Amino acid sequence: MREDIFVRGRAAVLIIDDDRQFTALVEAHLAAAGYSSAVAHDPVQGFIMARRDRPRLILLDIAMPAGGGLPLLKRLVRTGPTKHIPVIVVTVLQEPELEIEARAGGALGFLRKPIERETLLANVKAALNPG
């Protein structure tokens, strides 16, 4: 089922994360703040949706099956239709080198789970309204 993630007057955020509880919570926070969103629960689906729908922002988990988030990040920033979409990496993993690797791979931001609602929304707003 395709979700229409572009709603007039709202920003489109694609959440790529295999944790269904987390994605439901993030969707609720985004909706309450006036943002539309769509969810992909694996990297393959996420890449397809990113290319097809061209959201304005991607929230990307690192620890996922089917290849994981870092290879997807690198693929997103190298692919024509998606290379200009900002990506914020969101992960439960605590290794300090992951942030360095994610930013070097093209991530605009890096957040560790659990994420406070205010922190999430501040990062989304900053990514969608740079400057």
N, C-alpha and C. Protein backbone atom coordinates (compact mmCIF):
# COMPACT_ATOMS: atom_id res chain seq x y z
N MET A 1 0.84 -1.18 0.00
CA MET A 1 0.00 0.00 0.00
C MET A 1 0.88 1.24 0.00
N ARG A 2 0.64 2.14 -0.93
CA ARG A 2 1.40 3.38 -1.02
C ARG A 2 0.73 4.45 -0.18
N GLU A 3 1.53 5.10 0.64
CA GLU A 3 1.00 6.19 1.43
C GLU A 3 1.36 7.49 0.73
N ASP A 4 0.42 8.40 0.64
CA ASP A 4 0.70 9.70 0.04
C ASP A 4 1.35 10.57 1.11
N ILE A 5 2.64 10.77 1.00
CA ILE A 5 3.34 11.50 2.05
C ILE A 5 3.41 13.00 1.80
N PHE A 6 2.93 13.44 0.67
CA PHE A 6 2.94 14.86 0.39
C PHE A 6 1.56 15.45 0.63
N VAL A 7 1.46 16.26 1.66
CA VAL A 7 0.21 16.90 2.02
C VAL A 7 0.43 18.39 1.89
N ARG A 8 -0.51 19.07 1.23
CA ARG A 8 -0.36 20.51 1.01
C ARG A 8 -0.08 21.24 2.33
N GLY A 9 0.95 22.06 2.32
CA GLY A 9 1.29 22.86 3.49
C GLY A 9 2.09 22.11 4.55
N ARG A 10 2.46 20.88 4.29
CA ARG A 10 3.21 20.11 5.27
C ARG A 10 4.50 19.58 4.64
N ALA A 11 5.46 19.34 5.49
CA ALA A 11 6.71 18.74 5.03
C ALA A 11 6.57 17.23 5.03
N ALA A 12 7.22 16.56 4.11
CA ALA A 12 7.18 15.10 4.04
C ALA A 12 8.44 14.52 4.67
N VAL A 13 8.26 13.61 5.61
CA VAL A 13 9.37 12.96 6.29
C VAL A 13 9.22 11.45 6.07
N LEU A 14 10.27 10.83 5.58
CA LEU A 14 10.30 9.38 5.43
C LEU A 14 11.09 8.80 6.60
N ILE A 15 10.46 7.90 7.35
CA ILE A 15 11.09 7.25 8.49
C ILE A 15 11.47 5.84 8.03
N ILE A 16 12.76 5.52 8.06
CA ILE A 16 13.22 4.18 7.67
C ILE A 16 13.78 3.52 8.92
N ASP A 17 12.99 2.62 9.49
CA ASP A 17 13.35 2.00 10.77
C ASP A 17 12.54 0.72 10.92
N ASP A 18 13.17 -0.35 11.39
CA ASP A 18 12.47 -1.62 11.54
C ASP A 18 11.71 -1.75 12.86
N ASP A 19 11.87 -0.82 13.77
CA ASP A 19 11.19 -0.84 15.07
C ASP A 19 9.81 -0.19 14.92
N ARG A 20 8.78 -1.02 14.87
CA ARG A 20 7.42 -0.52 14.61
C ARG A 20 6.89 0.35 15.74
N GLN A 21 7.26 0.08 16.99
CA GLN A 21 6.84 0.95 18.09
C GLN A 21 7.46 2.33 17.95
N PHE A 22 8.74 2.36 17.62
CA PHE A 22 9.44 3.63 17.46
C PHE A 22 8.84 4.43 16.30
N THR A 23 8.60 3.77 15.17
CA THR A 23 8.06 4.51 14.01
C THR A 23 6.67 5.05 14.29
N ALA A 24 5.85 4.29 15.03
CA ALA A 24 4.51 4.77 15.37
C ALA A 24 4.59 6.01 16.27
N LEU A 25 5.53 5.99 17.22
CA LEU A 25 5.71 7.13 18.10
C LEU A 25 6.20 8.35 17.33
N VAL A 26 7.18 8.16 16.46
CA VAL A 26 7.71 9.28 15.67
C VAL A 26 6.62 9.84 14.74
N GLU A 27 5.86 8.96 14.11
CA GLU A 27 4.76 9.43 13.26
C GLU A 27 3.77 10.28 14.06
N ALA A 28 3.45 9.85 15.27
CA ALA A 28 2.52 10.61 16.11
C ALA A 28 3.10 11.98 16.47
N HIS A 29 4.38 12.02 16.83
CA HIS A 29 5.02 13.30 17.16
C HIS A 29 5.03 14.23 15.95
N LEU A 30 5.36 13.68 14.79
CA LEU A 30 5.41 14.50 13.58
C LEU A 30 4.03 15.01 13.21
N ALA A 31 3.03 14.16 13.26
CA ALA A 31 1.67 14.57 12.93
C ALA A 31 1.17 15.66 13.86
N ALA A 32 1.45 15.52 15.15
CA ALA A 32 1.03 16.53 16.12
C ALA A 32 1.69 17.88 15.86
N ALA A 33 2.88 17.85 15.25
CA ALA A 33 3.61 19.08 14.92
C ALA A 33 3.28 19.59 13.52
N GLY A 34 2.40 18.89 12.80
CA GLY A 34 1.97 19.36 11.48
C GLY A 34 2.73 18.80 10.30
N TYR A 35 3.53 17.77 10.53
CA TYR A 35 4.30 17.16 9.45
C TYR A 35 3.64 15.86 8.99
N SER A 36 3.67 15.62 7.71
CA SER A 36 3.21 14.32 7.21
C SER A 36 4.41 13.38 7.16
N SER A 37 4.13 12.08 7.22
CA SER A 37 5.23 11.12 7.20
C SER A 37 4.78 9.82 6.57
N ALA A 38 5.78 9.03 6.22
CA ALA A 38 5.57 7.67 5.72
C ALA A 38 6.66 6.81 6.35
N VAL A 39 6.44 5.51 6.39
CA VAL A 39 7.37 4.61 7.05
C VAL A 39 7.77 3.48 6.11
N ALA A 40 9.06 3.16 6.14
CA ALA A 40 9.59 1.97 5.51
C ALA A 40 10.26 1.17 6.63
N HIS A 41 10.01 -0.14 6.67
CA HIS A 41 10.54 -0.94 7.77
C HIS A 41 11.79 -1.73 7.41
N ASP A 42 12.35 -1.48 6.21
CA ASP A 42 13.62 -2.11 5.86
C ASP A 42 14.32 -1.23 4.84
N PRO A 43 15.64 -1.40 4.68
CA PRO A 43 16.41 -0.54 3.78
C PRO A 43 15.97 -0.61 2.32
N VAL A 44 15.57 -1.77 1.85
CA VAL A 44 15.17 -1.90 0.45
C VAL A 44 13.90 -1.09 0.19
N GLN A 45 12.90 -1.28 1.04
CA GLN A 45 11.66 -0.53 0.92
C GLN A 45 11.94 0.97 1.08
N GLY A 46 12.82 1.32 2.01
CA GLY A 46 13.16 2.72 2.23
C GLY A 46 13.78 3.37 1.01
N PHE A 47 14.68 2.66 0.35
CA PHE A 47 15.32 3.21 -0.85
C PHE A 47 14.29 3.40 -1.97
N ILE A 48 13.43 2.43 -2.14
CA ILE A 48 12.38 2.53 -3.17
C ILE A 48 11.48 3.73 -2.90
N MET A 49 11.04 3.87 -1.65
CA MET A 49 10.16 4.99 -1.31
C MET A 49 10.87 6.33 -1.44
N ALA A 50 12.13 6.40 -1.05
CA ALA A 50 12.87 7.65 -1.15
C ALA A 50 13.00 8.08 -2.61
N ARG A 51 13.34 7.14 -3.48
CA ARG A 51 13.46 7.46 -4.92
C ARG A 51 12.13 7.85 -5.52
N ARG A 52 11.10 7.12 -5.18
CA ARG A 52 9.78 7.34 -5.77
C ARG A 52 9.12 8.62 -5.25
N ASP A 53 9.15 8.81 -3.93
CA ASP A 53 8.38 9.89 -3.31
C ASP A 53 9.17 11.16 -3.05
N ARG A 54 10.47 11.05 -3.04
CA ARG A 54 11.37 12.19 -2.80
C ARG A 54 10.91 13.07 -1.62
N PRO A 55 10.94 12.49 -0.43
CA PRO A 55 10.55 13.26 0.75
C PRO A 55 11.51 14.42 0.97
N ARG A 56 11.12 15.34 1.82
CA ARG A 56 12.00 16.47 2.11
C ARG A 56 13.04 16.13 3.17
N LEU A 57 12.82 15.03 3.92
CA LEU A 57 13.74 14.62 4.98
C LEU A 57 13.60 13.13 5.19
N ILE A 58 14.72 12.48 5.53
CA ILE A 58 14.71 11.07 5.87
C ILE A 58 15.27 10.89 7.27
N LEU A 59 14.55 10.16 8.11
CA LEU A 59 15.04 9.73 9.42
C LEU A 59 15.42 8.27 9.24
N LEU A 60 16.70 7.94 9.43
CA LEU A 60 17.23 6.63 9.06
C LEU A 60 17.86 5.92 10.25
N ASP A 61 17.36 4.72 10.54
CA ASP A 61 17.96 3.87 11.56
C ASP A 61 19.21 3.20 10.99
N ILE A 62 20.17 2.91 11.84
CA ILE A 62 21.38 2.23 11.39
C ILE A 62 21.27 0.72 11.53
N ALA A 63 20.76 0.26 12.67
CA ALA A 63 20.72 -1.18 12.96
C ALA A 63 19.44 -1.80 12.41
N MET A 64 19.49 -2.23 11.18
CA MET A 64 18.34 -2.89 10.55
C MET A 64 18.81 -4.13 9.81
N PRO A 65 17.90 -5.09 9.66
CA PRO A 65 18.25 -6.25 8.84
C PRO A 65 18.31 -5.85 7.36
N ALA A 66 18.69 -6.77 6.54
CA ALA A 66 18.72 -6.57 5.08
C ALA A 66 19.70 -5.48 4.67
N GLY A 67 20.86 -5.44 5.28
CA GLY A 67 21.88 -4.51 4.82
C GLY A 67 22.20 -3.37 5.73
N GLY A 68 21.28 -2.97 6.59
CA GLY A 68 21.56 -1.91 7.54
C GLY A 68 21.49 -0.51 6.95
N GLY A 69 21.53 0.46 7.87
CA GLY A 69 21.34 1.85 7.51
C GLY A 69 22.53 2.56 6.90
N LEU A 70 23.75 2.21 7.32
CA LEU A 70 24.92 2.91 6.76
C LEU A 70 25.09 2.66 5.26
N PRO A 71 24.97 1.42 4.78
CA PRO A 71 25.04 1.24 3.33
C PRO A 71 23.91 1.99 2.60
N LEU A 72 22.74 2.03 3.21
CA LEU A 72 21.64 2.77 2.59
C LEU A 72 21.94 4.26 2.56
N LEU A 73 22.49 4.80 3.63
CA LEU A 73 22.87 6.21 3.66
C LEU A 73 23.80 6.53 2.50
N LYS A 74 24.82 5.71 2.32
CA LYS A 74 25.77 5.94 1.24
C LYS A 74 25.10 5.87 -0.12
N ARG A 75 24.17 4.94 -0.27
CA ARG A 75 23.45 4.80 -1.53
C ARG A 75 22.55 6.02 -1.78
N LEU A 76 21.89 6.49 -0.74
CA LEU A 76 21.00 7.65 -0.89
C LEU A 76 21.77 8.89 -1.32
N VAL A 77 22.94 9.13 -0.73
CA VAL A 77 23.68 10.36 -1.06
C VAL A 77 24.40 10.28 -2.40
N ARG A 78 24.48 9.07 -2.99
CA ARG A 78 25.11 8.92 -4.31
C ARG A 78 24.11 8.87 -5.45
N THR A 79 22.83 8.68 -5.16
CA THR A 79 21.82 8.47 -6.18
C THR A 79 21.16 9.80 -6.55
N GLY A 80 21.10 10.07 -7.83
CA GLY A 80 20.57 11.33 -8.33
C GLY A 80 19.29 11.83 -7.68
N PRO A 81 18.20 11.05 -7.71
CA PRO A 81 16.94 11.55 -7.17
C PRO A 81 16.93 11.76 -5.65
N THR A 82 17.86 11.15 -4.94
CA THR A 82 17.84 11.25 -3.48
C THR A 82 19.04 11.99 -2.89
N LYS A 83 19.99 12.35 -3.70
CA LYS A 83 21.24 12.88 -3.12
C LYS A 83 21.09 14.23 -2.43
N HIS A 84 20.01 14.95 -2.71
CA HIS A 84 19.82 16.26 -2.07
C HIS A 84 18.85 16.20 -0.89
N ILE A 85 18.37 15.01 -0.55
CA ILE A 85 17.46 14.86 0.58
C ILE A 85 18.29 14.76 1.86
N PRO A 86 18.07 15.65 2.82
CA PRO A 86 18.82 15.55 4.07
C PRO A 86 18.43 14.28 4.84
N VAL A 87 19.42 13.69 5.49
CA VAL A 87 19.22 12.46 6.26
C VAL A 87 19.69 12.69 7.69
N ILE A 88 18.82 12.36 8.63
CA ILE A 88 19.21 12.35 10.04
C ILE A 88 19.23 10.90 10.47
N VAL A 89 20.38 10.45 10.93
CA VAL A 89 20.53 9.08 11.42
C VAL A 89 20.00 9.01 12.85
N VAL A 90 19.23 7.97 13.11
CA VAL A 90 18.66 7.73 14.43
C VAL A 90 19.00 6.30 14.82
N THR A 91 19.65 6.12 15.96
CA THR A 91 20.08 4.77 16.33
C THR A 91 20.07 4.55 17.83
N VAL A 92 19.94 3.30 18.19
CA VAL A 92 20.07 2.89 19.59
C VAL A 92 21.51 2.50 19.89
N LEU A 93 22.30 2.28 18.86
CA LEU A 93 23.70 1.87 19.02
C LEU A 93 24.50 2.99 19.68
N GLN A 94 25.42 2.62 20.56
CA GLN A 94 26.14 3.60 21.36
C GLN A 94 27.60 3.82 20.95
N GLU A 95 28.10 3.11 19.96
CA GLU A 95 29.50 3.26 19.56
C GLU A 95 29.76 4.68 19.06
N PRO A 96 30.72 5.40 19.67
CA PRO A 96 30.99 6.79 19.30
C PRO A 96 31.41 6.95 17.84
N GLU A 97 32.10 5.96 17.29
CA GLU A 97 32.58 6.08 15.91
C GLU A 97 31.44 6.07 14.88
N LEU A 98 30.26 5.61 15.28
CA LEU A 98 29.12 5.57 14.35
C LEU A 98 28.72 6.97 13.91
N GLU A 99 28.73 7.92 14.82
CA GLU A 99 28.37 9.28 14.45
C GLU A 99 29.37 9.84 13.44
N ILE A 100 30.64 9.59 13.67
CA ILE A 100 31.68 10.05 12.74
C ILE A 100 31.47 9.42 11.37
N GLU A 101 31.22 8.11 11.37
CA GLU A 101 31.01 7.40 10.10
C GLU A 101 29.75 7.88 9.39
N ALA A 102 28.68 8.10 10.14
CA ALA A 102 27.43 8.56 9.54
C ALA A 102 27.58 9.95 8.94
N ARG A 103 28.20 10.85 9.67
CA ARG A 103 28.39 12.22 9.15
C ARG A 103 29.33 12.22 7.94
N ALA A 104 30.37 11.40 8.01
CA ALA A 104 31.28 11.28 6.86
C ALA A 104 30.56 10.68 5.66
N GLY A 105 29.57 9.84 5.92
CA GLY A 105 28.80 9.22 4.84
C GLY A 105 27.72 10.11 4.27
N GLY A 106 27.53 11.29 4.85
CA GLY A 106 26.57 12.24 4.30
C GLY A 106 25.40 12.60 5.18
N ALA A 107 25.33 12.08 6.41
CA ALA A 107 24.22 12.40 7.29
C ALA A 107 24.30 13.85 7.76
N LEU A 108 23.17 14.51 7.74
CA LEU A 108 23.08 15.88 8.23
C LEU A 108 23.11 15.91 9.75
N GLY A 109 22.47 14.92 10.37
CA GLY A 109 22.39 14.89 11.82
C GLY A 109 22.50 13.47 12.35
N PHE A 110 22.62 13.36 13.66
CA PHE A 110 22.78 12.06 14.31
C PHE A 110 22.12 12.13 15.66
N LEU A 111 21.13 11.26 15.89
CA LEU A 111 20.41 11.22 17.16
C LEU A 111 20.45 9.81 17.74
N ARG A 112 20.55 9.73 19.04
CA ARG A 112 20.54 8.43 19.71
C ARG A 112 19.18 8.20 20.37
N LYS A 113 18.69 6.97 20.23
CA LYS A 113 17.44 6.57 20.89
C LYS A 113 17.74 6.26 22.35
N PRO A 114 16.84 6.49 23.24
CA PRO A 114 15.54 7.12 23.04
C PRO A 114 15.70 8.62 22.82
N ILE A 115 14.79 9.18 22.06
CA ILE A 115 14.86 10.60 21.69
C ILE A 115 13.70 11.34 22.34
N GLU A 116 14.02 12.43 22.96
CA GLU A 116 12.97 13.29 23.51
C GLU A 116 12.18 13.90 22.36
N ARG A 117 10.89 14.04 22.53
CA ARG A 117 10.02 14.61 21.50
C ARG A 117 10.54 15.98 21.03
N GLU A 118 10.92 16.83 21.97
CA GLU A 118 11.38 18.17 21.63
C GLU A 118 12.67 18.14 20.80
N THR A 119 13.57 17.23 21.14
CA THR A 119 14.82 17.08 20.40
C THR A 119 14.55 16.63 18.97
N LEU A 120 13.68 15.64 18.84
CA LEU A 120 13.31 15.15 17.51
C LEU A 120 12.73 16.28 16.66
N LEU A 121 11.76 16.97 17.20
CA LEU A 121 11.08 18.02 16.42
C LEU A 121 12.01 19.19 16.11
N ALA A 122 12.91 19.53 17.03
CA ALA A 122 13.86 20.61 16.77
C ALA A 122 14.80 20.23 15.62
N ASN A 123 15.24 18.98 15.59
CA ASN A 123 16.13 18.52 14.51
C ASN A 123 15.39 18.46 13.18
N VAL A 124 14.14 18.00 13.19
CA VAL A 124 13.35 17.96 11.96
C VAL A 124 13.14 19.38 11.43
N LYS A 125 12.75 20.28 12.30
CA LYS A 125 12.53 21.66 11.89
C LYS A 125 13.79 22.29 11.32
N ALA A 126 14.92 22.08 11.98
CA ALA A 126 16.19 22.65 11.49
C ALA A 126 16.57 22.06 10.13
N ALA A 127 16.34 20.78 9.94
CA ALA A 127 16.68 20.14 8.65
C ALA A 127 15.79 20.64 7.53
N LEU A 128 14.52 20.89 7.84
CA LEU A 128 13.57 21.33 6.81
C LEU A 128 13.63 22.82 6.54
N ASN A 129 14.19 23.56 7.48
CA ASN A 129 14.27 25.02 7.34
C ASN A 129 15.68 25.50 7.64
N PRO A 130 16.66 25.08 6.81
CA PRO A 130 18.05 25.48 7.09
C PRO A 130 18.23 26.99 6.93
N GLY A 131 19.20 27.48 7.66
CA GLY A 131 19.52 28.89 7.49
C GLY A 131 19.31 29.64 8.69
